[in-house]
Amino acid sequence: ASDYLLNNWPGKRSPKHREALQACHDALAGDKPAMNARRAFIAAAREVNVFVSDKAPA
């Protein structure tokens, strides 16, 4: 997700985009749960009309 946010993001870099990027960084560093990054990524993706499933992985 962080690679997509940095290199392939289709929309403008909004506050939700920045929050998602920070959440990914925090999760990769082990500082915050990965679920926080997932939620932030979904919120940012929806803002730019990128389809993502909000179903939690099994």
N, C-alpha and C. Protein backbone atom coordinates (compact mmCIF):
# COMPACT_ATOMS: atom_id res chain seq x y z
N ALA A 1 0.82 -1.19 0.00
CA ALA A 1 0.00 0.00 0.00
C ALA A 1 0.87 1.26 0.00
N SER A 2 1.93 1.24 0.79
CA SER A 2 2.76 2.45 0.83
C SER A 2 3.42 2.71 -0.52
N ASP A 3 3.82 1.66 -1.23
CA ASP A 3 4.40 1.84 -2.56
C ASP A 3 3.37 2.46 -3.50
N TYR A 4 2.15 1.98 -3.44
CA TYR A 4 1.08 2.53 -4.28
C TYR A 4 0.83 3.99 -3.94
N LEU A 5 0.78 4.30 -2.66
CA LEU A 5 0.56 5.68 -2.23
C LEU A 5 1.68 6.61 -2.71
N LEU A 6 2.90 6.11 -2.71
CA LEU A 6 4.04 6.94 -3.11
C LEU A 6 4.22 7.04 -4.61
N ASN A 7 4.01 5.95 -5.32
CA ASN A 7 4.43 5.90 -6.72
C ASN A 7 3.32 5.82 -7.75
N ASN A 8 2.13 5.43 -7.36
CA ASN A 8 1.08 5.20 -8.35
C ASN A 8 -0.24 5.88 -8.01
N TRP A 9 -0.21 6.78 -7.07
CA TRP A 9 -1.46 7.39 -6.61
C TRP A 9 -2.10 8.19 -7.73
N PRO A 10 -3.37 7.91 -8.05
CA PRO A 10 -4.01 8.56 -9.19
C PRO A 10 -4.58 9.95 -8.91
N GLY A 11 -4.73 10.30 -7.68
CA GLY A 11 -5.37 11.58 -7.36
C GLY A 11 -4.39 12.55 -6.73
N LYS A 12 -4.95 13.66 -6.27
CA LYS A 12 -4.09 14.63 -5.59
C LYS A 12 -3.71 14.10 -4.22
N ARG A 13 -2.67 14.62 -3.70
CA ARG A 13 -2.17 14.17 -2.39
C ARG A 13 -2.84 15.00 -1.30
N SER A 14 -3.98 14.52 -0.90
CA SER A 14 -4.85 15.20 0.06
C SER A 14 -4.44 14.85 1.49
N PRO A 15 -5.09 15.45 2.47
CA PRO A 15 -4.85 15.06 3.86
C PRO A 15 -5.10 13.57 4.10
N LYS A 16 -6.12 13.00 3.47
CA LYS A 16 -6.37 11.56 3.64
C LYS A 16 -5.22 10.74 3.06
N HIS A 17 -4.67 11.18 1.95
CA HIS A 17 -3.52 10.50 1.35
C HIS A 17 -2.34 10.55 2.33
N ARG A 18 -2.07 11.72 2.88
CA ARG A 18 -0.96 11.86 3.82
C ARG A 18 -1.19 11.01 5.07
N GLU A 19 -2.42 10.96 5.56
CA GLU A 19 -2.73 10.14 6.73
C GLU A 19 -2.50 8.67 6.43
N ALA A 20 -2.89 8.23 5.25
CA ALA A 20 -2.69 6.83 4.87
C ALA A 20 -1.21 6.50 4.76
N LEU A 21 -0.45 7.39 4.18
CA LEU A 21 0.99 7.17 4.05
C LEU A 21 1.65 7.09 5.42
N GLN A 22 1.26 7.97 6.32
CA GLN A 22 1.81 7.94 7.68
C GLN A 22 1.39 6.67 8.41
N ALA A 23 0.15 6.26 8.24
CA ALA A 23 -0.33 5.04 8.89
C ALA A 23 0.43 3.82 8.38
N CYS A 24 0.72 3.78 7.08
CA CYS A 24 1.52 2.68 6.53
C CYS A 24 2.92 2.69 7.12
N HIS A 25 3.52 3.86 7.19
CA HIS A 25 4.85 3.98 7.77
C HIS A 25 4.85 3.50 9.22
N ASP A 26 3.85 3.92 9.99
CA ASP A 26 3.76 3.51 11.39
C ASP A 26 3.58 2.00 11.53
N ALA A 27 2.78 1.41 10.65
CA ALA A 27 2.56 -0.04 10.70
C ALA A 27 3.84 -0.79 10.34
N LEU A 28 4.53 -0.33 9.30
CA LEU A 28 5.78 -0.99 8.90
C LEU A 28 6.85 -0.89 9.98
N ALA A 29 6.83 0.20 10.73
CA ALA A 29 7.78 0.39 11.82
C ALA A 29 7.39 -0.38 13.07
N GLY A 30 6.18 -0.94 13.08
CA GLY A 30 5.70 -1.67 14.24
C GLY A 30 5.15 -0.79 15.34
N ASP A 31 4.92 0.48 15.01
CA ASP A 31 4.42 1.42 16.02
C ASP A 31 2.91 1.41 16.16
N LYS A 32 2.21 1.03 15.11
CA LYS A 32 0.74 1.02 15.12
C LYS A 32 0.26 -0.24 14.42
N PRO A 33 -0.97 -0.67 14.71
CA PRO A 33 -1.50 -1.88 14.06
C PRO A 33 -1.69 -1.69 12.55
N ALA A 34 -1.49 -2.77 11.82
CA ALA A 34 -1.68 -2.75 10.37
C ALA A 34 -3.12 -2.40 10.01
N MET A 35 -4.07 -2.75 10.87
CA MET A 35 -5.47 -2.44 10.58
C MET A 35 -5.69 -0.93 10.49
N ASN A 36 -4.95 -0.15 11.24
CA ASN A 36 -5.05 1.31 11.13
C ASN A 36 -4.64 1.76 9.74
N ALA A 37 -3.56 1.18 9.23
CA ALA A 37 -3.09 1.53 7.88
C ALA A 37 -4.12 1.11 6.85
N ARG A 38 -4.70 -0.04 7.03
CA ARG A 38 -5.72 -0.53 6.10
C ARG A 38 -6.90 0.42 6.03
N ARG A 39 -7.39 0.83 7.20
CA ARG A 39 -8.53 1.75 7.24
C ARG A 39 -8.19 3.09 6.59
N ALA A 40 -7.01 3.60 6.87
CA ALA A 40 -6.60 4.88 6.30
C ALA A 40 -6.44 4.78 4.79
N PHE A 41 -5.89 3.66 4.31
CA PHE A 41 -5.72 3.46 2.87
C PHE A 41 -7.08 3.40 2.18
N ILE A 42 -8.02 2.67 2.77
CA ILE A 42 -9.36 2.56 2.18
C ILE A 42 -10.02 3.93 2.10
N ALA A 43 -9.90 4.72 3.15
CA ALA A 43 -10.50 6.07 3.15
C ALA A 43 -9.89 6.94 2.06
N ALA A 44 -8.58 6.88 1.92
CA ALA A 44 -7.91 7.69 0.89
C ALA A 44 -8.29 7.19 -0.50
N ALA A 45 -8.35 5.89 -0.68
CA ALA A 45 -8.70 5.32 -1.99
C ALA A 45 -10.12 5.71 -2.40
N ARG A 46 -11.02 5.65 -1.48
CA ARG A 46 -12.41 6.03 -1.79
C ARG A 46 -12.50 7.49 -2.21
N GLU A 47 -11.68 8.31 -1.60
CA GLU A 47 -11.70 9.74 -1.92
C GLU A 47 -11.36 10.00 -3.39
N VAL A 48 -10.53 9.15 -3.98
CA VAL A 48 -10.14 9.33 -5.39
C VAL A 48 -10.78 8.28 -6.29
N ASN A 49 -11.84 7.65 -5.78
CA ASN A 49 -12.63 6.68 -6.55
C ASN A 49 -11.84 5.46 -7.01
N VAL A 50 -10.92 5.00 -6.18
CA VAL A 50 -10.22 3.74 -6.42
C VAL A 50 -10.97 2.67 -5.65
N PHE A 51 -11.38 1.61 -6.35
CA PHE A 51 -12.14 0.56 -5.69
C PHE A 51 -11.22 -0.29 -4.83
N VAL A 52 -11.60 -0.44 -3.58
CA VAL A 52 -10.96 -1.39 -2.67
C VAL A 52 -12.05 -2.03 -1.85
N SER A 53 -11.87 -3.28 -1.54
CA SER A 53 -12.84 -3.98 -0.70
C SER A 53 -12.61 -3.59 0.75
N ASP A 54 -13.69 -3.38 1.47
CA ASP A 54 -13.53 -3.07 2.89
C ASP A 54 -13.71 -4.31 3.75
N LYS A 55 -13.79 -5.50 3.12
CA LYS A 55 -13.85 -6.74 3.88
C LYS A 55 -12.47 -7.05 4.41
N ALA A 56 -12.41 -7.40 5.68
CA ALA A 56 -11.14 -7.75 6.29
C ALA A 56 -10.62 -9.05 5.68
N PRO A 57 -9.31 -9.15 5.51
CA PRO A 57 -8.76 -10.38 4.97
C PRO A 57 -9.01 -11.55 5.92
N ALA A 58 -9.18 -12.71 5.35
CA ALA A 58 -9.46 -13.91 6.16
C ALA A 58 -8.23 -14.42 6.83
